[in-house]
C-alpha atoms as a PDB file:
ATOM      1  CA  MET A   1       2.748  17.213  13.808  1.00  0.00           C
ATOM      2  CA  PRO A   2      -0.123  15.524  12.023  1.00  0.00           C
ATOM      3  CA  ARG A   3       0.445  12.265  10.201  1.00  0.00           C
ATOM      4  CA  TYR A   4      -2.251  10.696   8.097  1.00  0.00           C
ATOM      5  CA  ILE A   5      -2.695   7.127   6.984  1.00  0.00           C
ATOM      6  CA  ILE A   6      -3.163   7.192   3.232  1.00  0.00           C
ATOM      7  CA  HIS A   7      -4.548   4.348   1.137  1.00  0.00           C
ATOM      8  CA  LYS A   8      -5.055   3.340  -2.467  1.00  0.00           C
ATOM      9  CA  ASP A   9      -5.928  -0.080  -3.880  1.00  0.00           C
ATOM     10  CA  GLY A  10      -4.982  -2.019  -0.758  1.00  0.00           C
ATOM     11  CA  VAL A  11      -1.645  -0.264  -0.212  1.00  0.00           C
ATOM     12  CA  PHE A  12      -0.972   2.096   2.701  1.00  0.00           C
ATOM     13  CA  ASN A  13       1.560   4.674   3.825  1.00  0.00           C
ATOM     14  CA  VAL A  14       1.870   7.467   6.359  1.00  0.00           C
ATOM     15  CA  PHE A  15       1.920  11.057   5.098  1.00  0.00           C
ATOM     16  CA  SER A  16       3.614  13.569   7.393  1.00  0.00           C
ATOM     17  CA  THR A  17       2.594  17.223   7.268  1.00  0.00           C
ATOM     18  CA  VAL A  18       5.975  18.147   8.736  1.00  0.00           C
ATOM     19  CA  VAL A  19       7.878  17.020   5.640  1.00  0.00           C
ATOM     20  CA  ASP A  20       4.829  16.915   3.323  1.00  0.00           C
ATOM     21  CA  ALA A  21       5.827  13.459   2.165  1.00  0.00           C
ATOM     22  CA  CYS A  22       5.478   9.810   3.120  1.00  0.00           C
ATOM     23  CA  ILE A  23       7.688   8.469   5.845  1.00  0.00           C
ATOM     24  CA  PHE A  24       7.663   4.783   4.833  1.00  0.00           C
ATOM     25  CA  GLU A  25       7.903   2.503   1.854  1.00  0.00           C
ATOM     26  CA  PRO A  26       4.507   1.214   0.630  1.00  0.00           C
ATOM     27  CA  MET A  27       2.845  -1.087   3.180  1.00  0.00           C
ATOM     28  CA  THR A  28       0.181  -3.751   3.333  1.00  0.00           C
ATOM     29  CA  ARG A  29      -2.810  -3.506   5.656  1.00  0.00           C
ATOM     30  CA  GLU A  30      -1.096  -5.847   8.087  1.00  0.00           C
ATOM     31  CA  ASP A  31       1.963  -3.573   8.119  1.00  0.00           C
ATOM     32  CA  ILE A  32      -0.015  -0.395   8.801  1.00  0.00           C
ATOM     33  CA  GLU A  33      -2.091  -2.059  11.511  1.00  0.00           C
ATOM     34  CA  ALA A  34       1.097  -3.262  13.216  1.00  0.00           C
ATOM     35  CA  TRP A  35       2.530   0.263  12.988  1.00  0.00           C
ATOM     36  CA  LEU A  36      -0.617   1.724  14.554  1.00  0.00           C
ATOM     37  CA  LYS A  37      -0.319  -0.677  17.467  1.00  0.00           C
ATOM     38  CA  GLU A  38       3.303   0.416  18.004  1.00  0.00           C
ATOM     39  CA  GLN A  39       2.337   4.095  18.081  1.00  0.00           C
ATOM     40  CA  SER A  40       0.499   5.974  20.756  1.00  0.00           C
ATOM     41  CA  VAL A  41      -2.726   4.840  19.114  1.00  0.00           C
ATOM     42  CA  THR A  42      -3.353   2.243  21.769  1.00  0.00           C
ATOM     43  CA  GLU A  43      -7.115   2.535  21.873  1.00  0.00           C
ATOM     44  CA  PRO A  44      -8.461  -0.162  19.509  1.00  0.00           C
ATOM     45  CA  ASN A  45     -11.520   1.926  18.643  1.00  0.00           C
ATOM     46  CA  MET A  46      -9.322   4.825  17.424  1.00  0.00           C
ATOM     47  CA  ARG A  47      -7.268   2.445  15.258  1.00  0.00           C
ATOM     48  CA  GLU A  48     -10.509   1.196  13.716  1.00  0.00           C
ATOM     49  CA  VAL A  49     -11.732   4.758  13.087  1.00  0.00           C
ATOM     50  CA  LEU A  50      -8.466   5.753  11.378  1.00  0.00           C
ATOM     51  CA  MET A  51      -8.432   2.613   9.230  1.00  0.00           C
ATOM     52  CA  GLU A  52     -12.093   2.947   8.271  1.00  0.00           C
ATOM     53  CA  ARG A  53     -11.593   6.553   7.214  1.00  0.00           C
ATOM     54  CA  ALA A  54      -8.437   5.709   5.220  1.00  0.00           C
ATOM     55  CA  LEU A  55     -10.212   2.850   3.461  1.00  0.00           C
ATOM     56  CA  ARG A  56     -13.310   4.917   2.726  1.00  0.00           C
ATOM     57  CA  LYS A  57     -11.770   8.135   1.434  1.00  0.00           C
ATOM     58  CA  GLY A  58      -8.059   7.424   0.945  1.00  0.00           C
ATOM     59  CA  THR A  59      -6.945   9.395   4.008  1.00  0.00           C
ATOM     60  CA  SER A  60      -7.418   9.144   7.743  1.00  0.00           C
ATOM     61  CA  SER A  61      -7.611  12.949   7.929  1.00  0.00           C
ATOM     62  CA  GLU A  62     -10.758  14.540   9.274  1.00  0.00           C
ATOM     63  CA  THR A  63      -9.863  17.745   7.402  1.00  0.00           C
ATOM     64  CA  TYR A  64      -9.118  16.436   3.928  1.00  0.00           C
ATOM     65  CA  GLU A  65     -11.806  14.645   1.951  1.00  0.00           C
ATOM     66  CA  SER A  66      -9.614  12.527  -0.339  1.00  0.00           C
ATOM     67  CA  LEU A  67      -6.184  11.102  -0.964  1.00  0.00           C
ATOM     68  CA  GLU A  68      -5.699  13.650  -3.753  1.00  0.00           C
ATOM     69  CA  GLU A  69      -6.473  16.559  -1.442  1.00  0.00           C
ATOM     70  CA  THR A  70      -4.246  15.218   1.340  1.00  0.00           C
ATOM     71  CA  ILE A  71      -1.162  14.992  -0.881  1.00  0.00           C
ATOM     72  CA  SER A  72      -1.932  17.954  -3.166  1.00  0.00           C
ATOM     73  CA  HIS A  73       0.791  20.108  -1.616  1.00  0.00           C
ATOM     74  CA  ASN A  74       3.365  17.356  -1.207  1.00  0.00           C
ATOM     75  CA  ARG A  75       7.086  18.092  -1.281  1.00  0.00           C
ATOM     76  CA  ALA A  76       8.148  14.509  -2.008  1.00  0.00           C
ATOM     77  CA  GLY A  77      10.214  15.260  -5.114  1.00  0.00           C
ATOM     78  CA  PRO A  78      13.821  16.352  -5.586  1.00  0.00           C
ATOM     79  CA  ASN A  79      14.617  19.582  -3.718  1.00  0.00           C
ATOM     80  CA  GLU A  80      11.195  19.379  -2.050  1.00  0.00           C
ATOM     81  CA  THR A  81       9.276  19.784  -5.299  1.00  0.00           C
ATOM     82  CA  SER A  82       5.709  18.554  -5.644  1.00  0.00           C
ATOM     83  CA  VAL A  83       5.245  15.141  -7.237  1.00  0.00           C
ATOM     84  CA  PRO A  84       2.235  14.692  -9.574  1.00  0.00           C
ATOM     85  CA  PHE A  85      -0.504  12.420  -8.210  1.00  0.00           C
ATOM     86  CA  GLU A  86       0.126   9.443 -10.530  1.00  0.00           C
ATOM     87  CA  GLN A  87       3.869   9.485  -9.837  1.00  0.00           C
ATOM     88  CA  PHE A  88       3.247   9.826  -6.092  1.00  0.00           C
ATOM     89  CA  VAL A  89       0.967   6.773  -6.157  1.00  0.00           C
ATOM     90  CA  ARG A  90       3.498   4.738  -8.166  1.00  0.00           C
ATOM     91  CA  HIS A  91       6.283   5.532  -5.719  1.00  0.00           C
ATOM     92  CA  PHE A  92       4.548   5.632  -2.322  1.00  0.00           C
ATOM     93  CA  LEU A  93       1.361   3.566  -2.771  1.00  0.00           C
ATOM     94  CA  THR A  94       2.384   0.684  -5.014  1.00  0.00           C
ATOM     95  CA  LEU A  95       3.963  -2.469  -3.634  1.00  0.00           C
ATOM     96  CA  PRO A  96       6.944  -3.746  -5.615  1.00  0.00           C
ATOM     97  CA  GLU A  97       6.275  -6.974  -7.521  1.00  0.00           C
ATOM     98  CA  THR A  98       8.745  -8.861  -5.328  1.00  0.00           C
ATOM     99  CA  ARG A  99       6.942  -7.811  -2.175  1.00  0.00           C
ATOM    100  CA  ARG A 100       3.561  -8.810  -3.598  1.00  0.00           C
ATOM    101  CA  GLY A 101       4.971 -12.227  -4.421  1.00  0.00           C
ATOM    102  CA  ILE A 102       6.408 -12.621  -0.934  1.00  0.00           C
ATOM    103  CA  ARG A 103       3.068 -11.698   0.638  1.00  0.00           C
ATOM    104  CA  LYS A 104       1.269 -14.304  -1.471  1.00  0.00           C
ATOM    105  CA  VAL A 105       3.775 -16.990  -0.452  1.00  0.00           C
ATOM    106  CA  ILE A 106       3.410 -16.055   3.225  1.00  0.00           C
ATOM    107  CA  GLN A 107      -0.387 -16.204   2.979  1.00  0.00           C
ATOM    108  CA  VAL A 108      -0.240 -19.666   1.351  1.00  0.00           C
ATOM    109  CA  ILE A 109       2.141 -20.951   4.038  1.00  0.00           C
ATOM    110  CA  GLN A 110      -0.054 -19.586   6.825  1.00  0.00           C
ATOM    111  CA  LYS A 111      -3.120 -21.397   5.466  1.00  0.00           C
END
């Protein structure tokens, strides 16, 4: 059951080909890297390869060449309907304002 890391403008998610939808709320890079460590992706080099590919082309997939292609047959809408690209990005690859604010506060505190 393939799952791909997807990325747009610094926001990440995991797209499952089993449900043809994302399995998480939008995540930061730190979140997705922590998730990768928790998964069976224990080899650091493989984590780096997946992240590099997701950052470069919007998907960690070796098969698909872009974020758009990866999610083109999504079933993330009501009754498993396909969600248009812009709507998909707004829902699954955009951090809520409150979360962005929290991240900024955390970064300031950590410095």
